[in-house]
Amino acid sequence: MKKLLLLLPFLLAACDTREIAVDPVRAGYDYFPLRAGQSTVYAVESIQYRTGRPADTARYEIREVVQEPVTDLAGEEAFVIHRYYRPAGSTAWKAEPDSVWTAKRTARLATRTENNVTFVKLSFPLKKDLAWNGNTFNDRGDDGYKVTGWNQPYEAGTAAYENTVTVEQSNEADECVKKNVQYEVYARGIGLVRKEITEVYYLQPEGACDFTQTISYGRHIVQRLVDFTE
């Protein structure tokens, strides 16, 4: 009888299937907010490099508007995102979206489906040095993402954010062959505020490295937030 009494607390604990409450702020959910009507505008500068040609620079803006939530094929709440494009300096947005993406946030992951390819943007609970596979839900092969900046101020030009998380998506550099550095910055209560991609390959005359890092081909893209409304 005494043994049974000693085991009783453990048996009761094992039978308790209640979920432990998660603090949304500590988990980092507010770095990936999704609310119907939420609108973000990004300024984008895209430089394309091609062998034997001058660099081609394009400047434009992207507007994303979150629509009402829907239930996806997994039975989870997802949000449709209407995306609009306009050249830099233009004042008018098209009446119809140029593309439609989706995004969702579960207790463990924040994902975006971009041009029918799903990426794991964030993993929860967020913390410094947290790592995950950004390509978990697509067939592009493993791609290691890592939190390199956590809950820290961030400034870019005239923009300043008190709390941000930086996600490193790629950090490959070979002074003779290529440079592939990609990262995203998310601000608390806003979401993505900056995205930068540097993916270039260097000329190698006669297969040798001359260390000049002259770009043969590749791309450099900077996307930064210029307007946000809820």
C-alpha atoms as a PDB file:
ATOM      1  CA  MET A   1       0.000   0.000   0.000  1.00  0.00           C
ATOM      2  CA  LYS A   2       2.839   2.375   0.866  1.00  0.00           C
ATOM      3  CA  LYS A   3       4.461   1.723  -2.539  1.00  0.00           C
ATOM      4  CA  LEU A   4       1.181   2.528  -4.279  1.00  0.00           C
ATOM      5  CA  LEU A   5       0.869   5.826  -2.445  1.00  0.00           C
ATOM      6  CA  LEU A   6       4.426   6.755  -3.413  1.00  0.00           C
ATOM      7  CA  LEU A   7       3.722   6.018  -7.078  1.00  0.00           C
ATOM      8  CA  LEU A   8       0.403   7.856  -7.154  1.00  0.00           C
ATOM      9  CA  PRO A   9       1.814  11.387  -7.848  1.00  0.00           C
ATOM     10  CA  PHE A  10       3.835  10.040 -10.767  1.00  0.00           C
ATOM     11  CA  LEU A  11       0.845   8.198 -12.203  1.00  0.00           C
ATOM     12  CA  LEU A  12      -1.278  11.332 -11.954  1.00  0.00           C
ATOM     13  CA  ALA A  13       1.417  13.392 -13.670  1.00  0.00           C
ATOM     14  CA  ALA A  14       1.655  10.859 -16.483  1.00  0.00           C
ATOM     15  CA  CYS A  15      -2.104  11.028 -17.021  1.00  0.00           C
ATOM     16  CA  ASP A  16      -2.145  14.827 -17.200  1.00  0.00           C
ATOM     17  CA  THR A  17      -2.347  15.589 -20.936  1.00  0.00           C
ATOM     18  CA  ARG A  18      -2.940  19.307 -20.596  1.00  0.00           C
ATOM     19  CA  GLU A  19      -0.740  21.444 -22.859  1.00  0.00           C
ATOM     20  CA  ILE A  20       1.751  23.745 -21.182  1.00  0.00           C
ATOM     21  CA  ALA A  21       0.909  27.372 -21.928  1.00  0.00           C
ATOM     22  CA  VAL A  22       3.395  29.079 -24.225  1.00  0.00           C
ATOM     23  CA  ASP A  23       4.332  32.719 -23.726  1.00  0.00           C
ATOM     24  CA  PRO A  24       3.908  34.184 -27.251  1.00  0.00           C
ATOM     25  CA  VAL A  25       6.475  36.924 -26.610  1.00  0.00           C
ATOM     26  CA  ARG A  26       9.136  34.532 -25.334  1.00  0.00           C
ATOM     27  CA  ALA A  27       8.444  32.134 -28.190  1.00  0.00           C
ATOM     28  CA  GLY A  28       8.979  34.955 -30.683  1.00  0.00           C
ATOM     29  CA  TYR A  29       5.631  34.691 -32.474  1.00  0.00           C
ATOM     30  CA  ASP A  30       5.394  38.474 -32.798  1.00  0.00           C
ATOM     31  CA  TYR A  31       8.387  38.468 -35.157  1.00  0.00           C
ATOM     32  CA  PHE A  32       6.079  36.881 -37.730  1.00  0.00           C
ATOM     33  CA  PRO A  33       2.692  38.602 -37.280  1.00  0.00           C
ATOM     34  CA  LEU A  34      -0.164  37.616 -39.578  1.00  0.00           C
ATOM     35  CA  ARG A  35      -3.302  39.744 -39.480  1.00  0.00           C
ATOM     36  CA  ALA A  36      -5.919  40.271 -42.174  1.00  0.00           C
ATOM     37  CA  GLY A  37      -5.507  43.753 -43.664  1.00  0.00           C
ATOM     38  CA  GLN A  38      -1.844  44.022 -42.726  1.00  0.00           C
ATOM     39  CA  SER A  39       0.104  45.811 -45.484  1.00  0.00           C
ATOM     40  CA  THR A  40       3.850  46.076 -46.059  1.00  0.00           C
ATOM     41  CA  VAL A  41       5.721  47.898 -48.810  1.00  0.00           C
ATOM     42  CA  TYR A  42       9.313  47.064 -49.715  1.00  0.00           C
ATOM     43  CA  ALA A  43      11.810  48.926 -51.876  1.00  0.00           C
ATOM     44  CA  VAL A  44      13.925  46.515 -53.896  1.00  0.00           C
ATOM     45  CA  GLU A  45      17.212  47.021 -55.716  1.00  0.00           C
ATOM     46  CA  SER A  46      18.230  44.100 -57.907  1.00  0.00           C
ATOM     47  CA  ILE A  47      21.588  43.921 -59.705  1.00  0.00           C
ATOM     48  CA  GLN A  48      22.072  41.086 -62.182  1.00  0.00           C
ATOM     49  CA  TYR A  49      25.566  40.220 -63.419  1.00  0.00           C
ATOM     50  CA  ARG A  50      26.196  38.396 -66.704  1.00  0.00           C
ATOM     51  CA  THR A  51      29.514  37.470 -68.249  1.00  0.00           C
ATOM     52  CA  GLY A  52      30.626  40.002 -70.849  1.00  0.00           C
ATOM     53  CA  ARG A  53      27.737  42.395 -70.176  1.00  0.00           C
ATOM     54  CA  PRO A  54      27.292  45.508 -68.021  1.00  0.00           C
ATOM     55  CA  ALA A  55      25.538  44.963 -64.706  1.00  0.00           C
ATOM     56  CA  ASP A  56      21.759  45.349 -65.027  1.00  0.00           C
ATOM     57  CA  THR A  57      20.174  47.293 -62.144  1.00  0.00           C
ATOM     58  CA  ALA A  58      16.427  47.349 -61.511  1.00  0.00           C
ATOM     59  CA  ARG A  59      14.614  49.297 -58.801  1.00  0.00           C
ATOM     60  CA  TYR A  60      11.007  48.638 -57.881  1.00  0.00           C
ATOM     61  CA  GLU A  61       8.577  48.268 -54.994  1.00  0.00           C
ATOM     62  CA  ILE A  62       6.604  45.291 -53.732  1.00  0.00           C
ATOM     63  CA  ARG A  63       3.438  45.621 -51.686  1.00  0.00           C
ATOM     64  CA  GLU A  64       2.091  42.678 -49.699  1.00  0.00           C
ATOM     65  CA  VAL A  65      -1.459  42.677 -48.322  1.00  0.00           C
ATOM     66  CA  VAL A  66      -2.584  39.896 -45.974  1.00  0.00           C
ATOM     67  CA  GLN A  67      -6.056  38.546 -46.712  1.00  0.00           C
ATOM     68  CA  GLU A  68      -8.545  36.712 -44.486  1.00  0.00           C
ATOM     69  CA  PRO A  69      -7.320  33.340 -43.144  1.00  0.00           C
ATOM     70  CA  VAL A  70      -8.213  30.062 -44.839  1.00  0.00           C
ATOM     71  CA  THR A  71      -7.845  26.415 -43.857  1.00  0.00           C
ATOM     72  CA  ASP A  72      -5.046  24.725 -45.794  1.00  0.00           C
ATOM     73  CA  LEU A  73      -4.710  21.077 -46.843  1.00  0.00           C
ATOM     74  CA  ALA A  74      -3.104  20.252 -43.490  1.00  0.00           C
ATOM     75  CA  GLY A  75      -6.192  21.555 -41.697  1.00  0.00           C
ATOM     76  CA  GLU A  76      -4.277  24.545 -40.316  1.00  0.00           C
ATOM     77  CA  GLU A  77      -4.956  28.268 -40.516  1.00  0.00           C
ATOM     78  CA  ALA A  78      -3.048  29.963 -43.326  1.00  0.00           C
ATOM     79  CA  PHE A  79      -3.146  33.473 -44.749  1.00  0.00           C
ATOM     80  CA  VAL A  80      -3.274  34.386 -48.421  1.00  0.00           C
ATOM     81  CA  ILE A  81      -0.940  37.243 -49.374  1.00  0.00           C
ATOM     82  CA  HIS A  82      -1.616  39.424 -52.402  1.00  0.00           C
ATOM     83  CA  ARG A  83       1.600  40.833 -53.879  1.00  0.00           C
ATOM     84  CA  TYR A  84       1.723  43.923 -56.082  1.00  0.00           C
ATOM     85  CA  TYR A  85       4.614  45.278 -58.158  1.00  0.00           C
ATOM     86  CA  ARG A  86       5.381  48.793 -59.376  1.00  0.00           C
ATOM     87  CA  PRO A  87       8.521  50.441 -60.804  1.00  0.00           C
ATOM     88  CA  ALA A  88      10.395  52.827 -58.507  1.00  0.00           C
ATOM     89  CA  GLY A  89       8.977  56.329 -58.763  1.00  0.00           C
ATOM     90  CA  SER A  90       5.528  55.159 -59.794  1.00  0.00           C
ATOM     91  CA  THR A  91       2.571  56.198 -57.638  1.00  0.00           C
ATOM     92  CA  ALA A  92      -0.076  53.713 -58.731  1.00  0.00           C
ATOM     93  CA  TRP A  93      -0.566  50.098 -57.709  1.00  0.00           C
ATOM     94  CA  LYS A  94      -2.374  47.671 -59.977  1.00  0.00           C
ATOM     95  CA  ALA A  95      -5.949  46.748 -59.095  1.00  0.00           C
ATOM     96  CA  GLU A  96      -5.155  43.029 -59.280  1.00  0.00           C
ATOM     97  CA  PRO A  97      -2.194  41.330 -57.586  1.00  0.00           C
ATOM     98  CA  ASP A  98       0.786  40.245 -59.672  1.00  0.00           C
ATOM     99  CA  SER A  99       1.167  37.088 -57.613  1.00  0.00           C
ATOM    100  CA  VAL A 100      -0.439  35.277 -54.687  1.00  0.00           C
ATOM    101  CA  TRP A 101       1.618  33.681 -51.916  1.00  0.00           C
ATOM    102  CA  THR A 102       0.612  32.140 -48.594  1.00  0.00           C
ATOM    103  CA  ALA A 103       2.015  32.191 -45.071  1.00  0.00           C
ATOM    104  CA  LYS A 104       1.204  30.516 -41.803  1.00  0.00           C
ATOM    105  CA  ARG A 105       2.476  30.329 -38.262  1.00  0.00           C
ATOM    106  CA  THR A 106       2.057  27.292 -36.058  1.00  0.00           C
ATOM    107  CA  ALA A 107       3.302  26.691 -32.526  1.00  0.00           C
ATOM    108  CA  ARG A 108       6.602  25.452 -33.946  1.00  0.00           C
ATOM    109  CA  LEU A 109       7.158  27.020 -37.366  1.00  0.00           C
ATOM    110  CA  ALA A 110       6.557  30.075 -39.545  1.00  0.00           C
ATOM    111  CA  THR A 111       6.385  29.229 -43.243  1.00  0.00           C
ATOM    112  CA  ARG A 112       5.858  31.066 -46.515  1.00  0.00           C
ATOM    113  CA  THR A 113       4.951  29.529 -49.835  1.00  0.00           C
ATOM    114  CA  GLU A 114       6.591  31.666 -52.520  1.00  0.00           C
ATOM    115  CA  ASN A 115       5.881  30.811 -56.161  1.00  0.00           C
ATOM    116  CA  ASN A 116       4.657  27.381 -55.020  1.00  0.00           C
ATOM    117  CA  VAL A 117       7.821  26.668 -52.999  1.00  0.00           C
ATOM    118  CA  THR A 118       7.467  26.486 -49.200  1.00  0.00           C
ATOM    119  CA  PHE A 119      10.252  27.768 -46.944  1.00  0.00           C
ATOM    120  CA  VAL A 120      10.531  27.559 -43.148  1.00  0.00           C
ATOM    121  CA  LYS A 121      11.284  31.176 -42.290  1.00  0.00           C
ATOM    122  CA  LEU A 122      11.379  30.889 -38.488  1.00  0.00           C
ATOM    123  CA  SER A 123      11.403  28.102 -35.922  1.00  0.00           C
ATOM    124  CA  PHE A 124       9.911  28.513 -32.441  1.00  0.00           C
ATOM    125  CA  PRO A 125      10.762  29.169 -29.713  1.00  0.00           C
ATOM    126  CA  LEU A 126      13.321  31.551 -31.167  1.00  0.00           C
ATOM    127  CA  LYS A 127      16.702  31.876 -29.504  1.00  0.00           C
ATOM    128  CA  LYS A 128      20.301  32.758 -30.371  1.00  0.00           C
ATOM    129  CA  ASP A 129      22.083  30.149 -32.513  1.00  0.00           C
ATOM    130  CA  LEU A 130      18.876  28.194 -33.159  1.00  0.00           C
ATOM    131  CA  ALA A 131      19.254  26.261 -36.429  1.00  0.00           C
ATOM    132  CA  TRP A 132      16.807  24.461 -38.739  1.00  0.00           C
ATOM    133  CA  ASN A 133      16.349  23.297 -42.312  1.00  0.00           C
ATOM    134  CA  GLY A 134      14.697  26.039 -44.343  1.00  0.00           C
ATOM    135  CA  ASN A 135      13.835  23.551 -47.093  1.00  0.00           C
ATOM    136  CA  THR A 136      11.989  21.057 -44.905  1.00  0.00           C
ATOM    137  CA  PHE A 137       8.845  21.262 -47.055  1.00  0.00           C
ATOM    138  CA  ASN A 138      10.382  21.440 -50.533  1.00  0.00           C
ATOM    139  CA  ASP A 139      12.644  19.270 -52.687  1.00  0.00           C
ATOM    140  CA  ARG A 140      15.598  21.651 -53.004  1.00  0.00           C
ATOM    141  CA  GLY A 141      17.852  19.808 -50.580  1.00  0.00           C
ATOM    142  CA  ASP A 142      18.803  20.744 -47.031  1.00  0.00           C
ATOM    143  CA  ASP A 143      19.469  24.422 -46.403  1.00  0.00           C
ATOM    144  CA  GLY A 144      20.658  25.368 -42.949  1.00  0.00           C
ATOM    145  CA  TYR A 145      19.129  28.522 -41.453  1.00  0.00           C
ATOM    146  CA  LYS A 146      20.475  29.969 -38.217  1.00  0.00           C
ATOM    147  CA  VAL A 147      19.570  32.770 -35.811  1.00  0.00           C
ATOM    148  CA  THR A 148      22.670  34.969 -35.643  1.00  0.00           C
ATOM    149  CA  GLY A 149      21.093  38.023 -34.010  1.00  0.00           C
ATOM    150  CA  TRP A 150      18.419  37.817 -31.334  1.00  0.00           C
ATOM    151  CA  ASN A 151      16.332  40.523 -29.641  1.00  0.00           C
ATOM    152  CA  GLN A 152      18.742  43.263 -30.648  1.00  0.00           C
ATOM    153  CA  PRO A 153      18.418  46.785 -32.117  1.00  0.00           C
ATOM    154  CA  TYR A 154      18.897  47.118 -35.860  1.00  0.00           C
ATOM    155  CA  GLU A 155      19.491  50.164 -38.031  1.00  0.00           C
ATOM    156  CA  ALA A 156      19.470  50.387 -41.807  1.00  0.00           C
ATOM    157  CA  GLY A 157      19.674  53.859 -43.295  1.00  0.00           C
ATOM    158  CA  THR A 158      17.062  56.013 -41.592  1.00  0.00           C
ATOM    159  CA  ALA A 159      15.130  53.011 -40.258  1.00  0.00           C
ATOM    160  CA  ALA A 160      15.701  51.833 -36.691  1.00  0.00           C
ATOM    161  CA  TYR A 161      14.078  48.909 -34.888  1.00  0.00           C
ATOM    162  CA  GLU A 162      14.375  48.191 -31.177  1.00  0.00           C
ATOM    163  CA  ASN A 163      13.976  44.404 -31.261  1.00  0.00           C
ATOM    164  CA  THR A 164      14.968  42.283 -34.233  1.00  0.00           C
ATOM    165  CA  VAL A 165      16.046  38.760 -35.085  1.00  0.00           C
ATOM    166  CA  THR A 166      18.517  38.066 -37.900  1.00  0.00           C
ATOM    167  CA  VAL A 167      18.312  34.759 -39.746  1.00  0.00           C
ATOM    168  CA  GLU A 168      21.358  33.687 -41.722  1.00  0.00           C
ATOM    169  CA  GLN A 169      20.239  31.612 -44.702  1.00  0.00           C
ATOM    170  CA  SER A 170      23.614  31.174 -46.361  1.00  0.00           C
ATOM    171  CA  ASN A 171      27.188  32.177 -45.588  1.00  0.00           C
ATOM    172  CA  GLU A 172      29.562  30.730 -48.166  1.00  0.00           C
ATOM    173  CA  ALA A 173      32.630  32.617 -49.308  1.00  0.00           C
ATOM    174  CA  ASP A 174      35.534  31.433 -51.431  1.00  0.00           C
ATOM    175  CA  GLU A 175      37.851  34.245 -52.507  1.00  0.00           C
ATOM    176  CA  CYS A 176      38.586  32.439 -55.771  1.00  0.00           C
ATOM    177  CA  VAL A 177      35.234  30.950 -56.779  1.00  0.00           C
ATOM    178  CA  LYS A 178      32.105  32.531 -55.327  1.00  0.00           C
ATOM    179  CA  LYS A 179      30.301  34.385 -52.578  1.00  0.00           C
ATOM    180  CA  ASN A 180      26.846  33.337 -51.400  1.00  0.00           C
ATOM    181  CA  VAL A 181      25.612  35.316 -48.403  1.00  0.00           C
ATOM    182  CA  GLN A 182      21.892  35.584 -47.669  1.00  0.00           C
ATOM    183  CA  TYR A 183      20.029  36.799 -44.609  1.00  0.00           C
ATOM    184  CA  GLU A 184      16.690  38.183 -43.419  1.00  0.00           C
ATOM    185  CA  VAL A 185      15.918  40.564 -40.551  1.00  0.00           C
ATOM    186  CA  TYR A 186      12.593  40.455 -38.712  1.00  0.00           C
ATOM    187  CA  ALA A 187      11.328  43.173 -36.349  1.00  0.00           C
ATOM    188  CA  ARG A 188       8.993  42.532 -33.437  1.00  0.00           C
ATOM    189  CA  GLY A 189       5.378  43.360 -34.272  1.00  0.00           C
ATOM    190  CA  ILE A 190       6.206  43.973 -37.948  1.00  0.00           C
ATOM    191  CA  GLY A 191       7.850  40.943 -39.517  1.00  0.00           C
ATOM    192  CA  LEU A 192      10.381  41.074 -42.344  1.00  0.00           C
ATOM    193  CA  VAL A 193      12.133  44.450 -42.563  1.00  0.00           C
ATOM    194  CA  ARG A 194      15.201  43.576 -44.634  1.00  0.00           C
ATOM    195  CA  LYS A 195      16.340  40.803 -46.938  1.00  0.00           C
ATOM    196  CA  GLU A 196      19.696  40.684 -48.700  1.00  0.00           C
ATOM    197  CA  ILE A 197      21.068  38.199 -51.225  1.00  0.00           C
ATOM    198  CA  THR A 198      24.617  38.256 -52.568  1.00  0.00           C
ATOM    199  CA  GLU A 199      25.209  35.313 -54.878  1.00  0.00           C
ATOM    200  CA  VAL A 200      28.099  35.903 -57.287  1.00  0.00           C
ATOM    201  CA  TYR A 201      30.695  33.806 -59.091  1.00  0.00           C
ATOM    202  CA  TYR A 202      34.156  35.128 -59.937  1.00  0.00           C
ATOM    203  CA  LEU A 203      36.130  35.011 -63.167  1.00  0.00           C
ATOM    204  CA  GLN A 204      38.921  32.437 -63.164  1.00  0.00           C
ATOM    205  CA  PRO A 205      41.240  33.146 -66.117  1.00  0.00           C
ATOM    206  CA  GLU A 206      42.566  29.859 -67.474  1.00  0.00           C
ATOM    207  CA  GLY A 207      41.217  28.135 -64.392  1.00  0.00           C
ATOM    208  CA  ALA A 208      43.534  30.033 -62.057  1.00  0.00           C
ATOM    209  CA  CYS A 209      42.643  32.261 -59.122  1.00  0.00           C
ATOM    210  CA  ASP A 210      43.909  35.811 -59.494  1.00  0.00           C
ATOM    211  CA  PHE A 211      42.258  37.014 -56.257  1.00  0.00           C
ATOM    212  CA  THR A 212      40.706  40.078 -57.943  1.00  0.00           C
ATOM    213  CA  GLN A 213      37.189  38.725 -57.332  1.00  0.00           C
ATOM    214  CA  THR A 214      36.002  40.093 -60.668  1.00  0.00           C
ATOM    215  CA  ILE A 215      32.376  39.042 -60.964  1.00  0.00           C
ATOM    216  CA  SER A 216      31.528  36.762 -63.866  1.00  0.00           C
ATOM    217  CA  TYR A 217      27.824  36.336 -63.141  1.00  0.00           C
ATOM    218  CA  GLY A 218      25.363  36.368 -60.270  1.00  0.00           C
ATOM    219  CA  ARG A 219      23.025  38.695 -58.414  1.00  0.00           C
ATOM    220  CA  HIS A 220      22.816  41.152 -55.541  1.00  0.00           C
ATOM    221  CA  ILE A 221      19.353  41.942 -54.185  1.00  0.00           C
ATOM    222  CA  VAL A 222      18.401  44.207 -51.292  1.00  0.00           C
ATOM    223  CA  GLN A 223      14.796  44.383 -50.098  1.00  0.00           C
ATOM    224  CA  ARG A 224      13.968  46.847 -47.316  1.00  0.00           C
ATOM    225  CA  LEU A 225      10.764  47.883 -45.599  1.00  0.00           C
ATOM    226  CA  VAL A 226       9.532  51.400 -46.391  1.00  0.00           C
ATOM    227  CA  ASP A 227       5.931  51.277 -45.122  1.00  0.00           C
ATOM    228  CA  PHE A 228       3.893  49.169 -42.712  1.00  0.00           C
ATOM    229  CA  THR A 229       0.227  49.402 -41.722  1.00  0.00           C
ATOM    230  CA  GLU A 230      -1.967  47.057 -39.695  1.00  0.00           C
END
